[in-house]
Amino acid sequence: MISILINSGIVLLAFAGMEFMAWFTHKYVMHGFLWSWHEDHHRPHFHKEGFFEKNDLFFLVFAIPSAICYILGTATSLGFLLYVGIGISIYGLVYFLIHDVYIHQRFKWFRQLDSTYSRAILRAHGAHHAHVTKEAGESFGLLVVAKKYYGQYRRNKQSMQTE
């Protein structure tokens, strides 16, 4: 029972740590020295050719450490790494569902979630994409959203109810 709790805790910590890693990588790598991979993601969709973007290469940036954790966690005495890999994988799945499916509608699986949190995510990501250069960006995370994006939703929702 204790090992289940510990392993579950490792998965949750790895998942939470990935939000920081995603923010850090987005701000300092994607909008830094690997802007050439990420730039097409900031271009309007009508300028894109095909389904894939160079930005999709970042899937590998996060998938490789997860795979290494799976391998080392099962093949060595470092079994905890398996659970780190699981946490990274779960974050990757959540990131894909929220970013690629929900926000960018690359797949038409679900259209519009209507909650304060989902609207805040859309507003924060929209603010991020308002910048088309690698400088002067904002809102580099995905799941942790600044309070100002929640406030916009509340004001808009209240004004819609009074009309």
N, C-alpha and C. Protein backbone atom coordinates (compact mmCIF):
# COMPACT_ATOMS: atom_id res chain seq x y z
N MET A 1 0.82 -1.20 0.00
CA MET A 1 0.00 0.00 0.00
C MET A 1 0.87 1.26 0.00
N ILE A 2 1.91 1.26 0.82
CA ILE A 2 2.81 2.41 0.89
C ILE A 2 3.47 2.64 -0.47
N SER A 3 3.89 1.55 -1.14
CA SER A 3 4.56 1.72 -2.43
C SER A 3 3.61 2.29 -3.49
N ILE A 4 2.33 1.95 -3.41
CA ILE A 4 1.35 2.51 -4.35
C ILE A 4 1.23 4.02 -4.13
N LEU A 5 1.18 4.43 -2.86
CA LEU A 5 1.11 5.86 -2.55
C LEU A 5 2.37 6.60 -3.00
N ILE A 6 3.51 6.02 -2.75
CA ILE A 6 4.78 6.65 -3.15
C ILE A 6 4.85 6.76 -4.67
N ASN A 7 4.55 5.67 -5.36
CA ASN A 7 4.61 5.68 -6.82
C ASN A 7 3.59 6.65 -7.42
N SER A 8 2.41 6.71 -6.82
CA SER A 8 1.40 7.67 -7.28
C SER A 8 1.87 9.10 -7.04
N GLY A 9 2.53 9.33 -5.92
CA GLY A 9 3.09 10.64 -5.62
C GLY A 9 4.17 11.02 -6.62
N ILE A 10 5.00 10.06 -7.01
CA ILE A 10 6.03 10.33 -8.01
C ILE A 10 5.39 10.72 -9.34
N VAL A 11 4.34 10.00 -9.74
CA VAL A 11 3.63 10.32 -10.98
C VAL A 11 3.08 11.74 -10.90
N LEU A 12 2.42 12.09 -9.80
CA LEU A 12 1.84 13.43 -9.65
C LEU A 12 2.90 14.52 -9.63
N LEU A 13 4.02 14.27 -8.94
CA LEU A 13 5.10 15.26 -8.92
C LEU A 13 5.71 15.45 -10.30
N ALA A 14 5.90 14.35 -11.03
CA ALA A 14 6.44 14.45 -12.39
C ALA A 14 5.48 15.22 -13.28
N PHE A 15 4.18 14.94 -13.16
CA PHE A 15 3.16 15.64 -13.93
C PHE A 15 3.22 17.14 -13.62
N ALA A 16 3.23 17.49 -12.34
CA ALA A 16 3.27 18.90 -11.94
C ALA A 16 4.58 19.56 -12.39
N GLY A 17 5.67 18.84 -12.27
CA GLY A 17 6.96 19.37 -12.71
C GLY A 17 7.00 19.64 -14.20
N MET A 18 6.23 18.89 -14.96
CA MET A 18 6.20 19.09 -16.41
C MET A 18 5.56 20.41 -16.79
N GLU A 19 4.64 20.92 -15.98
CA GLU A 19 4.08 22.24 -16.29
C GLU A 19 5.19 23.29 -16.22
N PHE A 20 6.04 23.18 -15.21
CA PHE A 20 7.18 24.11 -15.12
C PHE A 20 8.13 23.88 -16.29
N MET A 21 8.44 22.63 -16.61
CA MET A 21 9.35 22.33 -17.72
C MET A 21 8.78 22.84 -19.04
N ALA A 22 7.47 22.67 -19.24
CA ALA A 22 6.84 23.15 -20.47
C ALA A 22 6.93 24.67 -20.54
N TRP A 23 6.66 25.35 -19.42
CA TRP A 23 6.77 26.81 -19.38
C TRP A 23 8.20 27.25 -19.68
N PHE A 24 9.17 26.65 -19.01
CA PHE A 24 10.58 27.00 -19.18
C PHE A 24 11.03 26.75 -20.62
N THR A 25 10.70 25.58 -21.15
CA THR A 25 11.09 25.24 -22.51
C THR A 25 10.42 26.17 -23.52
N HIS A 26 9.15 26.46 -23.29
CA HIS A 26 8.42 27.35 -24.20
C HIS A 26 9.05 28.75 -24.20
N LYS A 27 9.32 29.27 -23.02
CA LYS A 27 9.83 30.64 -22.91
C LYS A 27 11.28 30.77 -23.38
N TYR A 28 12.14 29.84 -22.97
CA TYR A 28 13.57 30.02 -23.20
C TYR A 28 14.14 29.18 -24.34
N VAL A 29 13.47 28.16 -24.77
CA VAL A 29 13.96 27.33 -25.88
C VAL A 29 13.15 27.61 -27.14
N MET A 30 11.81 27.46 -27.03
CA MET A 30 10.97 27.67 -28.21
C MET A 30 11.00 29.14 -28.66
N HIS A 31 11.00 30.05 -27.71
CA HIS A 31 11.08 31.47 -28.03
C HIS A 31 12.52 31.96 -27.91
N GLY A 32 13.45 31.03 -27.93
CA GLY A 32 14.87 31.33 -27.88
C GLY A 32 15.58 30.71 -29.07
N PHE A 33 16.57 29.85 -28.77
CA PHE A 33 17.43 29.34 -29.84
C PHE A 33 16.75 28.36 -30.79
N LEU A 34 15.58 27.82 -30.43
CA LEU A 34 14.85 26.94 -31.36
C LEU A 34 13.58 27.60 -31.90
N TRP A 35 13.60 28.92 -31.99
CA TRP A 35 12.48 29.65 -32.57
C TRP A 35 12.20 29.16 -33.99
N SER A 36 13.24 28.74 -34.71
CA SER A 36 13.05 28.28 -36.09
C SER A 36 12.11 27.07 -36.15
N TRP A 37 12.02 26.29 -35.09
CA TRP A 37 11.06 25.17 -35.02
C TRP A 37 9.67 25.67 -34.63
N HIS A 38 9.62 26.68 -33.78
CA HIS A 38 8.36 27.11 -33.17
C HIS A 38 7.66 28.22 -33.96
N GLU A 39 8.40 28.92 -34.78
CA GLU A 39 7.87 30.09 -35.47
C GLU A 39 6.61 29.80 -36.27
N ASP A 40 6.57 28.67 -36.96
CA ASP A 40 5.39 28.37 -37.80
C ASP A 40 4.12 28.20 -36.97
N HIS A 41 4.27 27.88 -35.71
CA HIS A 41 3.11 27.74 -34.83
C HIS A 41 2.45 29.09 -34.55
N HIS A 42 3.20 30.17 -34.69
CA HIS A 42 2.68 31.51 -34.46
C HIS A 42 2.17 32.18 -35.73
N ARG A 43 2.31 31.51 -36.85
CA ARG A 43 1.78 32.05 -38.10
C ARG A 43 0.32 31.69 -38.22
N PRO A 44 -0.47 32.54 -38.86
CA PRO A 44 -1.88 32.19 -39.08
C PRO A 44 -2.01 30.88 -39.85
N HIS A 45 -3.03 30.11 -39.53
CA HIS A 45 -3.21 28.79 -40.12
C HIS A 45 -3.37 28.82 -41.63
N PHE A 46 -3.89 29.89 -42.19
CA PHE A 46 -4.09 29.92 -43.63
C PHE A 46 -2.77 30.02 -44.40
N HIS A 47 -1.66 30.27 -43.71
CA HIS A 47 -0.35 30.30 -44.36
C HIS A 47 0.35 28.94 -44.29
N LYS A 48 -0.24 27.96 -43.64
CA LYS A 48 0.42 26.68 -43.43
C LYS A 48 0.10 25.71 -44.56
N GLU A 49 1.09 24.93 -44.89
CA GLU A 49 0.90 23.88 -45.87
C GLU A 49 0.94 22.55 -45.15
N GLY A 50 -0.10 21.75 -45.31
CA GLY A 50 -0.13 20.44 -44.69
C GLY A 50 -0.60 20.48 -43.25
N PHE A 51 -0.65 19.31 -42.67
CA PHE A 51 -1.17 19.13 -41.32
C PHE A 51 -0.12 19.44 -40.25
N PHE A 52 1.11 19.03 -40.49
CA PHE A 52 2.16 19.14 -39.48
C PHE A 52 2.87 20.48 -39.55
N GLU A 53 3.42 20.87 -38.41
CA GLU A 53 4.23 22.07 -38.29
C GLU A 53 5.62 21.63 -37.83
N LYS A 54 6.62 22.47 -38.06
CA LYS A 54 7.94 22.19 -37.49
C LYS A 54 7.84 22.12 -35.97
N ASN A 55 6.95 22.91 -35.42
CA ASN A 55 6.72 22.95 -33.97
C ASN A 55 6.39 21.56 -33.41
N ASP A 56 5.83 20.69 -34.22
CA ASP A 56 5.49 19.34 -33.76
C ASP A 56 6.73 18.53 -33.38
N LEU A 57 7.91 18.98 -33.79
CA LEU A 57 9.14 18.30 -33.40
C LEU A 57 9.35 18.34 -31.88
N PHE A 58 8.73 19.32 -31.23
CA PHE A 58 8.88 19.40 -29.77
C PHE A 58 8.23 18.22 -29.06
N PHE A 59 7.35 17.52 -29.75
CA PHE A 59 6.82 16.27 -29.20
C PHE A 59 7.98 15.36 -28.82
N LEU A 60 8.98 15.26 -29.69
CA LEU A 60 10.14 14.42 -29.42
C LEU A 60 10.97 14.94 -28.26
N VAL A 61 11.05 16.26 -28.14
CA VAL A 61 11.83 16.86 -27.06
C VAL A 61 11.32 16.36 -25.71
N PHE A 62 10.00 16.17 -25.60
CA PHE A 62 9.41 15.69 -24.34
C PHE A 62 9.21 14.18 -24.32
N ALA A 63 9.04 13.55 -25.46
CA ALA A 63 8.81 12.11 -25.50
C ALA A 63 10.10 11.32 -25.22
N ILE A 64 11.22 11.82 -25.65
CA ILE A 64 12.48 11.10 -25.45
C ILE A 64 12.82 10.95 -23.97
N PRO A 65 12.77 12.01 -23.15
CA PRO A 65 13.04 11.80 -21.72
C PRO A 65 12.05 10.83 -21.07
N SER A 66 10.80 10.87 -21.48
CA SER A 66 9.82 9.95 -20.95
C SER A 66 10.20 8.50 -21.30
N ALA A 67 10.55 8.28 -22.55
CA ALA A 67 10.94 6.93 -22.99
C ALA A 67 12.19 6.46 -22.25
N ILE A 68 13.15 7.35 -22.06
CA ILE A 68 14.36 6.99 -21.32
C ILE A 68 14.00 6.60 -19.89
N CYS A 69 13.08 7.34 -19.27
CA CYS A 69 12.65 7.00 -17.90
C CYS A 69 11.97 5.62 -17.86
N TYR A 70 11.13 5.33 -18.85
CA TYR A 70 10.51 4.01 -18.93
C TYR A 70 11.57 2.91 -19.02
N ILE A 71 12.54 3.10 -19.89
CA ILE A 71 13.57 2.08 -20.11
C ILE A 71 14.42 1.89 -18.87
N LEU A 72 14.94 3.00 -18.32
CA LEU A 72 15.79 2.90 -17.13
C LEU A 72 15.01 2.42 -15.92
N GLY A 73 13.75 2.80 -15.83
CA GLY A 73 12.93 2.40 -14.69
C GLY A 73 12.59 0.92 -14.67
N THR A 74 12.56 0.31 -15.84
CA THR A 74 12.26 -1.14 -15.90
C THR A 74 13.52 -1.99 -16.03
N ALA A 75 14.62 -1.43 -16.54
CA ALA A 75 15.81 -2.23 -16.81
C ALA A 75 16.90 -2.09 -15.75
N THR A 76 16.72 -1.19 -14.79
CA THR A 76 17.74 -0.97 -13.77
C THR A 76 17.09 -1.00 -12.39
N SER A 77 17.90 -0.73 -11.40
CA SER A 77 17.38 -0.67 -10.04
C SER A 77 16.74 0.69 -9.74
N LEU A 78 16.65 1.55 -10.73
CA LEU A 78 16.05 2.87 -10.56
C LEU A 78 14.57 2.83 -10.92
N GLY A 79 13.82 1.96 -10.27
CA GLY A 79 12.42 1.73 -10.60
C GLY A 79 11.54 2.96 -10.52
N PHE A 80 11.92 3.93 -9.67
CA PHE A 80 11.11 5.14 -9.55
C PHE A 80 11.03 5.91 -10.87
N LEU A 81 12.04 5.73 -11.73
CA LEU A 81 12.04 6.44 -13.01
C LEU A 81 10.88 6.01 -13.91
N LEU A 82 10.42 4.78 -13.73
CA LEU A 82 9.24 4.34 -14.49
C LEU A 82 8.07 5.27 -14.19
N TYR A 83 7.90 5.62 -12.93
CA TYR A 83 6.77 6.47 -12.53
C TYR A 83 6.98 7.93 -12.94
N VAL A 84 8.24 8.35 -13.01
CA VAL A 84 8.54 9.67 -13.57
C VAL A 84 8.12 9.68 -15.05
N GLY A 85 8.49 8.63 -15.78
CA GLY A 85 8.11 8.51 -17.19
C GLY A 85 6.60 8.49 -17.38
N ILE A 86 5.89 7.82 -16.49
CA ILE A 86 4.43 7.80 -16.56
C ILE A 86 3.86 9.20 -16.36
N GLY A 87 4.39 9.93 -15.38
CA GLY A 87 3.93 11.30 -15.14
C GLY A 87 4.18 12.20 -16.34
N ILE A 88 5.35 12.07 -16.96
CA ILE A 88 5.65 12.85 -18.16
C ILE A 88 4.68 12.49 -19.28
N SER A 89 4.41 11.20 -19.45
CA SER A 89 3.49 10.75 -20.50
C SER A 89 2.08 11.28 -20.29
N ILE A 90 1.62 11.24 -19.06
CA ILE A 90 0.27 11.74 -18.77
C ILE A 90 0.20 13.24 -19.06
N TYR A 91 1.24 13.98 -18.67
CA TYR A 91 1.26 15.41 -18.98
C TYR A 91 1.23 15.61 -20.50
N GLY A 92 2.00 14.81 -21.23
CA GLY A 92 2.01 14.92 -22.69
C GLY A 92 0.64 14.68 -23.29
N LEU A 93 -0.09 13.70 -22.76
CA LEU A 93 -1.44 13.43 -23.24
C LEU A 93 -2.37 14.60 -22.94
N VAL A 94 -2.31 15.12 -21.72
CA VAL A 94 -3.14 16.27 -21.34
C VAL A 94 -2.78 17.48 -22.19
N TYR A 95 -1.49 17.71 -22.39
CA TYR A 95 -1.05 18.83 -23.22
C TYR A 95 -1.61 18.70 -24.63
N PHE A 96 -1.50 17.51 -25.22
CA PHE A 96 -2.02 17.27 -26.56
C PHE A 96 -3.53 17.54 -26.61
N LEU A 97 -4.28 17.01 -25.65
CA LEU A 97 -5.73 17.18 -25.66
C LEU A 97 -6.14 18.65 -25.49
N ILE A 98 -5.46 19.36 -24.62
CA ILE A 98 -5.83 20.76 -24.39
C ILE A 98 -5.29 21.66 -25.51
N HIS A 99 -4.01 21.52 -25.82
CA HIS A 99 -3.38 22.44 -26.77
C HIS A 99 -3.77 22.15 -28.22
N ASP A 100 -3.57 20.93 -28.65
CA ASP A 100 -3.80 20.62 -30.07
C ASP A 100 -5.26 20.35 -30.39
N VAL A 101 -5.96 19.68 -29.49
CA VAL A 101 -7.36 19.34 -29.77
C VAL A 101 -8.29 20.48 -29.38
N TYR A 102 -8.22 20.94 -28.14
CA TYR A 102 -9.17 21.95 -27.67
C TYR A 102 -8.85 23.36 -28.18
N ILE A 103 -7.63 23.82 -27.95
CA ILE A 103 -7.30 25.21 -28.30
C ILE A 103 -7.19 25.39 -29.81
N HIS A 104 -6.35 24.59 -30.45
CA HIS A 104 -6.09 24.80 -31.88
C HIS A 104 -7.00 24.00 -32.80
N GLN A 105 -7.85 23.16 -32.25
CA GLN A 105 -8.84 22.40 -33.04
C GLN A 105 -8.20 21.65 -34.21
N ARG A 106 -7.03 21.06 -33.96
CA ARG A 106 -6.38 20.27 -35.02
C ARG A 106 -7.15 18.97 -35.25
N PHE A 107 -7.88 18.57 -34.26
CA PHE A 107 -8.81 17.44 -34.38
C PHE A 107 -10.15 17.95 -33.87
N LYS A 108 -11.21 17.54 -34.48
CA LYS A 108 -12.54 18.06 -34.12
C LYS A 108 -13.23 17.13 -33.11
N TRP A 109 -12.53 16.80 -32.04
CA TRP A 109 -13.08 15.87 -31.07
C TRP A 109 -14.01 16.53 -30.08
N PHE A 110 -13.65 17.68 -29.59
CA PHE A 110 -14.57 18.45 -28.76
C PHE A 110 -14.34 19.91 -29.08
N ARG A 111 -15.43 20.64 -29.18
CA ARG A 111 -15.37 22.00 -29.68
C ARG A 111 -15.18 23.03 -28.57
N GLN A 112 -16.17 23.20 -27.76
CA GLN A 112 -16.13 24.30 -26.82
C GLN A 112 -16.49 23.82 -25.42
N LEU A 113 -15.50 23.74 -24.58
CA LEU A 113 -15.76 23.50 -23.17
C LEU A 113 -16.20 24.84 -22.60
N ASP A 114 -17.14 24.83 -21.71
CA ASP A 114 -17.62 26.10 -21.18
C ASP A 114 -17.52 26.11 -19.67
N SER A 115 -16.33 26.42 -19.20
CA SER A 115 -16.11 26.61 -17.77
C SER A 115 -15.18 27.80 -17.61
N THR A 116 -15.12 28.33 -16.43
CA THR A 116 -14.24 29.46 -16.15
C THR A 116 -12.80 29.10 -16.50
N TYR A 117 -12.38 27.90 -16.11
CA TYR A 117 -11.00 27.46 -16.34
C TYR A 117 -10.71 27.29 -17.84
N SER A 118 -11.61 26.63 -18.57
CA SER A 118 -11.36 26.40 -19.99
C SER A 118 -11.33 27.71 -20.76
N ARG A 119 -12.18 28.66 -20.39
CA ARG A 119 -12.15 29.97 -21.04
C ARG A 119 -10.87 30.73 -20.70
N ALA A 120 -10.40 30.59 -19.47
CA ALA A 120 -9.15 31.25 -19.07
C ALA A 120 -7.98 30.68 -19.87
N ILE A 121 -7.96 29.39 -20.08
CA ILE A 121 -6.91 28.77 -20.90
C ILE A 121 -6.95 29.34 -22.32
N LEU A 122 -8.14 29.44 -22.90
CA LEU A 122 -8.26 29.99 -24.25
C LEU A 122 -7.77 31.44 -24.31
N ARG A 123 -8.15 32.24 -23.32
CA ARG A 123 -7.75 33.65 -23.32
C ARG A 123 -6.23 33.78 -23.14
N ALA A 124 -5.66 32.99 -22.26
CA ALA A 124 -4.21 33.06 -22.03
C ALA A 124 -3.46 32.63 -23.28
N HIS A 125 -3.92 31.59 -23.92
CA HIS A 125 -3.24 31.11 -25.12
C HIS A 125 -3.43 32.11 -26.27
N GLY A 126 -4.60 32.72 -26.34
CA GLY A 126 -4.83 33.76 -27.34
C GLY A 126 -3.90 34.94 -27.13
N ALA A 127 -3.70 35.33 -25.87
CA ALA A 127 -2.77 36.42 -25.57
C ALA A 127 -1.35 36.04 -25.98
N HIS A 128 -1.00 34.78 -25.78
CA HIS A 128 0.33 34.32 -26.19
C HIS A 128 0.48 34.41 -27.71
N HIS A 129 -0.53 33.98 -28.43
CA HIS A 129 -0.45 33.98 -29.90
C HIS A 129 -0.67 35.36 -30.51
N ALA A 130 -1.03 36.35 -29.71
CA ALA A 130 -1.14 37.72 -30.21
C ALA A 130 0.24 38.24 -30.61
N HIS A 131 1.29 37.62 -30.09
CA HIS A 131 2.67 37.98 -30.41
C HIS A 131 3.18 37.01 -31.48
N VAL A 132 3.60 37.53 -32.61
CA VAL A 132 4.05 36.67 -33.70
C VAL A 132 5.58 36.62 -33.82
N THR A 133 6.27 37.28 -32.91
CA THR A 133 7.72 37.22 -32.88
C THR A 133 8.15 36.50 -31.62
N LYS A 134 9.42 36.14 -31.55
CA LYS A 134 9.89 35.41 -30.38
C LYS A 134 10.04 36.30 -29.16
N GLU A 135 10.11 37.60 -29.36
CA GLU A 135 10.23 38.54 -28.24
C GLU A 135 8.85 38.97 -27.74
N ALA A 136 8.82 39.56 -26.58
CA ALA A 136 7.62 40.20 -26.02
C ALA A 136 6.44 39.25 -25.86
N GLY A 137 6.70 38.02 -25.55
CA GLY A 137 5.62 37.06 -25.35
C GLY A 137 5.07 37.10 -23.94
N GLU A 138 3.97 36.40 -23.75
CA GLU A 138 3.36 36.25 -22.42
C GLU A 138 2.67 34.91 -22.36
N SER A 139 2.34 34.49 -21.18
CA SER A 139 1.55 33.28 -20.95
C SER A 139 2.16 32.06 -21.64
N PHE A 140 3.32 31.62 -21.14
CA PHE A 140 4.05 30.51 -21.75
C PHE A 140 3.63 29.15 -21.23
N GLY A 141 2.91 29.10 -20.12
CA GLY A 141 2.45 27.82 -19.58
C GLY A 141 1.18 27.36 -20.25
N LEU A 142 0.66 26.24 -19.79
CA LEU A 142 -0.59 25.73 -20.35
C LEU A 142 -1.65 25.56 -19.27
N LEU A 143 -1.34 24.85 -18.23
CA LEU A 143 -2.35 24.51 -17.22
C LEU A 143 -2.47 25.53 -16.11
N VAL A 144 -1.38 26.22 -15.80
CA VAL A 144 -1.40 27.27 -14.77
C VAL A 144 -1.65 28.59 -15.49
N VAL A 145 -2.78 29.20 -15.20
CA VAL A 145 -3.23 30.38 -15.93
C VAL A 145 -3.28 31.57 -14.96
N ALA A 146 -2.75 32.69 -15.40
CA ALA A 146 -2.74 33.91 -14.57
C ALA A 146 -4.17 34.35 -14.24
N LYS A 147 -4.34 34.95 -13.08
CA LYS A 147 -5.67 35.39 -12.61
C LYS A 147 -6.35 36.35 -13.57
N LYS A 148 -5.57 37.17 -14.26
CA LYS A 148 -6.19 38.17 -15.13
C LYS A 148 -7.04 37.55 -16.22
N TYR A 149 -6.76 36.32 -16.63
CA TYR A 149 -7.56 35.67 -17.67
C TYR A 149 -8.87 35.13 -17.12
N TYR A 150 -8.91 34.83 -15.84
CA TYR A 150 -10.17 34.43 -15.21
C TYR A 150 -11.08 35.63 -15.08
N GLY A 151 -10.53 36.76 -14.70
CA GLY A 151 -11.31 37.97 -14.52
C GLY A 151 -12.01 38.41 -15.79
N GLN A 152 -11.34 38.29 -16.92
CA GLN A 152 -11.95 38.66 -18.19
C GLN A 152 -13.18 37.81 -18.44
N TYR A 153 -13.09 36.52 -18.10
CA TYR A 153 -14.22 35.63 -18.35
C TYR A 153 -15.41 36.01 -17.48
N ARG A 154 -15.13 36.30 -16.21
CA ARG A 154 -16.22 36.66 -15.30
C ARG A 154 -16.92 37.94 -15.77
N ARG A 155 -16.13 38.94 -16.17
CA ARG A 155 -16.73 40.19 -16.65
C ARG A 155 -17.56 39.94 -17.90
N ASN A 156 -17.01 39.19 -18.83
CA ASN A 156 -17.74 38.92 -20.08
C ASN A 156 -19.01 38.11 -19.79
N LYS A 157 -18.91 37.14 -18.91
CA LYS A 157 -20.07 36.31 -18.59
C LYS A 157 -21.15 37.16 -17.93
N GLN A 158 -20.74 38.05 -17.01
CA GLN A 158 -21.73 38.90 -16.35
C GLN A 158 -22.37 39.86 -17.33
N SER A 159 -21.58 40.41 -18.24
CA SER A 159 -22.16 41.36 -19.20
C SER A 159 -23.09 40.64 -20.15
N MET A 160 -22.80 39.37 -20.46
CA MET A 160 -23.70 38.60 -21.34
C MET A 160 -25.03 38.32 -20.63
N GLN A 161 -24.98 38.11 -19.32
CA GLN A 161 -26.20 37.80 -18.58
C GLN A 161 -27.09 39.02 -18.42
N THR A 162 -26.50 40.22 -18.45
CA THR A 162 -27.32 41.43 -18.26
C THR A 162 -27.91 41.95 -19.56
N GLU A 163 -27.44 41.43 -20.69
CA GLU A 163 -27.96 41.90 -21.99
C GLU A 163 -29.32 41.31 -22.28
